[in-house]
């Protein structure tokens, strides 16, 4: 929804759909709701996965996308 709650923010909807598709394509990744997800303790020897490295192109695209969203749907 846009900030005024009067219409769907197409940029956010598209980003969410791409996120869901990316999760579906990742082998070994399962999705769940908080209510349906059982808590599993991490083993002490198990290391957390590394995060993606910073990408200036991806960051720049995100800034442009946010500027367009603010122009279309308002900034506050």
N, C-alpha and C. Protein backbone atom coordinates (compact mmCIF):
# COMPACT_ATOMS: atom_id res chain seq x y z
N UNK A 1 0.84 -1.17 0.00
CA UNK A 1 0.00 0.00 0.00
C UNK A 1 0.89 1.24 0.00
N UNK A 2 0.37 2.30 -0.57
CA UNK A 2 1.08 3.56 -0.50
C UNK A 2 0.97 4.10 0.92
N UNK A 3 1.70 5.13 1.21
CA UNK A 3 1.71 5.65 2.58
C UNK A 3 0.33 6.13 3.02
N UNK A 4 -0.49 6.59 2.06
CA UNK A 4 -1.83 7.05 2.39
C UNK A 4 -2.84 5.92 2.48
N UNK A 5 -2.42 4.68 2.21
CA UNK A 5 -3.27 3.48 2.28
C UNK A 5 -4.44 3.53 1.30
N UNK A 6 -4.29 4.23 0.18
CA UNK A 6 -5.38 4.33 -0.78
C UNK A 6 -5.16 3.49 -2.03
N UNK A 7 -3.93 3.08 -2.28
CA UNK A 7 -3.64 2.26 -3.46
C UNK A 7 -2.39 1.42 -3.22
N UNK A 8 -2.26 0.39 -4.03
CA UNK A 8 -1.13 -0.52 -3.90
C UNK A 8 0.13 0.15 -4.46
N UNK A 9 1.21 0.06 -3.73
CA UNK A 9 2.50 0.55 -4.20
C UNK A 9 3.08 -0.53 -5.09
N UNK A 10 3.07 -0.30 -6.41
CA UNK A 10 3.51 -1.32 -7.37
C UNK A 10 4.98 -1.66 -7.20
N UNK A 11 5.79 -0.70 -6.80
CA UNK A 11 7.22 -0.95 -6.62
C UNK A 11 7.44 -1.92 -5.47
N UNK A 12 6.75 -1.70 -4.36
CA UNK A 12 6.89 -2.60 -3.21
C UNK A 12 6.32 -3.98 -3.54
N UNK A 13 5.19 -4.02 -4.25
CA UNK A 13 4.61 -5.30 -4.63
C UNK A 13 5.56 -6.09 -5.51
N UNK A 14 6.17 -5.43 -6.51
CA UNK A 14 7.10 -6.11 -7.41
C UNK A 14 8.32 -6.60 -6.63
N UNK A 15 8.85 -5.77 -5.73
CA UNK A 15 10.01 -6.17 -4.93
C UNK A 15 9.67 -7.40 -4.07
N UNK A 16 8.48 -7.41 -3.47
CA UNK A 16 8.07 -8.54 -2.64
C UNK A 16 7.92 -9.81 -3.48
N UNK A 17 7.32 -9.69 -4.68
CA UNK A 17 7.17 -10.85 -5.56
C UNK A 17 8.52 -11.39 -6.00
N UNK A 18 9.48 -10.51 -6.29
CA UNK A 18 10.83 -10.95 -6.66
C UNK A 18 11.52 -11.63 -5.48
N UNK A 19 11.31 -11.12 -4.29
CA UNK A 19 11.88 -11.72 -3.08
C UNK A 19 11.33 -13.13 -2.88
N UNK A 20 10.01 -13.28 -3.04
CA UNK A 20 9.39 -14.61 -2.88
C UNK A 20 9.91 -15.58 -3.93
N UNK A 21 10.06 -15.11 -5.17
CA UNK A 21 10.57 -15.97 -6.24
C UNK A 21 12.01 -16.38 -5.96
N UNK A 22 12.82 -15.45 -5.45
CA UNK A 22 14.21 -15.78 -5.13
C UNK A 22 14.29 -16.81 -4.02
N UNK A 23 13.44 -16.69 -3.00
CA UNK A 23 13.41 -17.68 -1.93
C UNK A 23 13.00 -19.05 -2.46
N UNK A 24 12.02 -19.07 -3.36
CA UNK A 24 11.55 -20.34 -3.92
C UNK A 24 12.64 -21.02 -4.74
N UNK A 25 13.55 -20.24 -5.34
CA UNK A 25 14.61 -20.80 -6.18
C UNK A 25 15.84 -21.26 -5.40
N UNK A 26 15.92 -20.93 -4.11
CA UNK A 26 17.09 -21.29 -3.32
C UNK A 26 16.97 -22.71 -2.80
N UNK A 27 17.91 -23.58 -3.19
CA UNK A 27 17.85 -24.96 -2.69
C UNK A 27 18.12 -25.01 -1.19
N UNK A 28 17.35 -25.81 -0.49
CA UNK A 28 17.55 -26.00 0.93
C UNK A 28 16.93 -24.92 1.81
N UNK A 29 16.25 -23.96 1.20
CA UNK A 29 15.62 -22.88 1.97
C UNK A 29 14.15 -23.19 2.14
N UNK A 30 13.69 -23.15 3.37
CA UNK A 30 12.27 -23.36 3.65
C UNK A 30 11.71 -22.07 4.24
N UNK A 31 10.48 -21.75 3.87
CA UNK A 31 9.83 -20.57 4.42
C UNK A 31 8.73 -21.01 5.38
N UNK A 32 8.40 -20.14 6.33
CA UNK A 32 7.35 -20.44 7.30
C UNK A 32 6.90 -19.14 7.95
N UNK A 33 5.77 -19.19 8.60
CA UNK A 33 5.34 -18.05 9.40
C UNK A 33 5.99 -18.17 10.78
N UNK A 34 5.99 -17.09 11.52
CA UNK A 34 6.55 -17.16 12.87
C UNK A 34 5.77 -18.14 13.74
N UNK A 35 4.47 -18.17 13.57
CA UNK A 35 3.64 -19.08 14.37
C UNK A 35 3.90 -20.54 14.02
N UNK A 36 4.18 -20.81 12.74
CA UNK A 36 4.36 -22.19 12.31
C UNK A 36 5.80 -22.66 12.31
N UNK A 37 6.73 -21.78 12.62
CA UNK A 37 8.15 -22.12 12.57
C UNK A 37 8.63 -22.56 13.95
N UNK A 38 9.03 -23.80 14.05
CA UNK A 38 9.53 -24.27 15.34
C UNK A 38 10.94 -23.74 15.57
N UNK A 39 11.26 -23.46 16.79
CA UNK A 39 12.57 -22.93 17.14
C UNK A 39 13.58 -24.07 17.13
N UNK A 40 14.68 -23.86 16.43
CA UNK A 40 15.74 -24.86 16.37
C UNK A 40 17.02 -24.19 16.88
N UNK A 41 17.61 -24.78 17.90
CA UNK A 41 18.84 -24.22 18.46
C UNK A 41 19.99 -24.45 17.49
N UNK A 42 20.82 -23.44 17.30
CA UNK A 42 21.99 -23.55 16.43
C UNK A 42 23.10 -24.29 17.19
N UNK A 43 23.71 -25.23 16.52
CA UNK A 43 24.83 -25.94 17.12
C UNK A 43 26.01 -24.99 17.30
N UNK A 44 26.75 -25.17 18.36
CA UNK A 44 27.88 -24.28 18.66
C UNK A 44 28.91 -24.27 17.54
N UNK A 45 29.12 -25.40 16.88
CA UNK A 45 30.13 -25.49 15.83
C UNK A 45 29.63 -24.91 14.50
N UNK A 46 28.35 -24.68 14.39
CA UNK A 46 27.78 -24.19 13.14
C UNK A 46 28.00 -22.68 13.02
N UNK A 47 28.62 -22.26 11.95
CA UNK A 47 28.90 -20.84 11.73
C UNK A 47 27.78 -20.20 10.91
N UNK A 48 27.44 -18.94 11.19
CA UNK A 48 26.44 -18.26 10.37
C UNK A 48 26.96 -18.05 8.95
N UNK A 49 26.05 -18.00 8.00
CA UNK A 49 26.45 -17.78 6.61
C UNK A 49 26.89 -16.33 6.42
N UNK A 50 27.80 -16.14 5.47
CA UNK A 50 28.27 -14.79 5.19
C UNK A 50 27.19 -14.03 4.41
N UNK A 51 27.16 -12.73 4.62
CA UNK A 51 26.21 -11.88 3.90
C UNK A 51 26.77 -11.55 2.52
N UNK A 52 25.90 -11.13 1.61
CA UNK A 52 26.35 -10.74 0.28
C UNK A 52 27.24 -9.51 0.38
N UNK A 53 28.27 -9.43 -0.47
CA UNK A 53 29.11 -8.23 -0.45
C UNK A 53 28.34 -7.03 -0.99
N UNK A 54 28.79 -5.85 -0.61
CA UNK A 54 28.17 -4.62 -1.10
C UNK A 54 28.36 -4.51 -2.60
N UNK A 55 27.33 -4.01 -3.28
CA UNK A 55 27.38 -3.84 -4.73
C UNK A 55 26.90 -2.42 -5.04
N UNK A 56 27.80 -1.52 -5.49
CA UNK A 56 27.41 -0.14 -5.75
C UNK A 56 26.30 0.00 -6.80
N UNK A 57 26.28 -0.86 -7.79
CA UNK A 57 25.23 -0.80 -8.81
C UNK A 57 23.88 -1.14 -8.20
N UNK A 58 23.86 -2.21 -7.40
CA UNK A 58 22.61 -2.61 -6.75
C UNK A 58 22.15 -1.52 -5.77
N UNK A 59 23.07 -0.93 -5.04
CA UNK A 59 22.72 0.14 -4.10
C UNK A 59 22.20 1.37 -4.84
N UNK A 60 22.83 1.72 -5.95
CA UNK A 60 22.37 2.86 -6.74
C UNK A 60 20.99 2.63 -7.32
N UNK A 61 20.74 1.42 -7.80
CA UNK A 61 19.42 1.08 -8.34
C UNK A 61 18.36 1.20 -7.25
N UNK A 62 18.71 0.82 -6.05
CA UNK A 62 17.76 0.90 -4.93
C UNK A 62 17.44 2.36 -4.60
N UNK A 63 18.43 3.24 -4.65
CA UNK A 63 18.21 4.66 -4.38
C UNK A 63 17.29 5.25 -5.45
N UNK A 64 17.55 4.91 -6.72
CA UNK A 64 16.70 5.40 -7.81
C UNK A 64 15.27 4.88 -7.63
N UNK A 65 15.14 3.60 -7.31
CA UNK A 65 13.83 3.00 -7.10
C UNK A 65 13.08 3.71 -5.97
N UNK A 66 13.78 4.03 -4.89
CA UNK A 66 13.15 4.73 -3.77
C UNK A 66 12.73 6.13 -4.17
N UNK A 67 13.53 6.83 -4.97
CA UNK A 67 13.17 8.17 -5.43
C UNK A 67 11.91 8.13 -6.29
N UNK A 68 11.82 7.14 -7.17
CA UNK A 68 10.63 6.99 -8.01
C UNK A 68 9.41 6.70 -7.14
N UNK A 69 9.56 5.82 -6.17
CA UNK A 69 8.45 5.49 -5.27
C UNK A 69 7.98 6.73 -4.51
N UNK A 70 8.93 7.54 -4.05
CA UNK A 70 8.56 8.76 -3.33
C UNK A 70 7.85 9.75 -4.25
N UNK A 71 8.27 9.82 -5.52
CA UNK A 71 7.62 10.72 -6.47
C UNK A 71 6.20 10.25 -6.78
N UNK A 72 6.02 8.93 -6.91
CA UNK A 72 4.71 8.38 -7.26
C UNK A 72 3.75 8.32 -6.09
N UNK A 73 4.25 7.95 -4.92
CA UNK A 73 3.38 7.64 -3.79
C UNK A 73 3.53 8.59 -2.61
N UNK A 74 4.35 9.60 -2.73
CA UNK A 74 4.53 10.55 -1.64
C UNK A 74 5.67 10.16 -0.73
N UNK A 75 6.29 11.14 -0.13
CA UNK A 75 7.46 10.87 0.71
C UNK A 75 7.19 11.04 2.20
N UNK A 76 5.96 11.19 2.57
CA UNK A 76 5.74 11.31 4.00
C UNK A 76 4.35 11.59 4.38
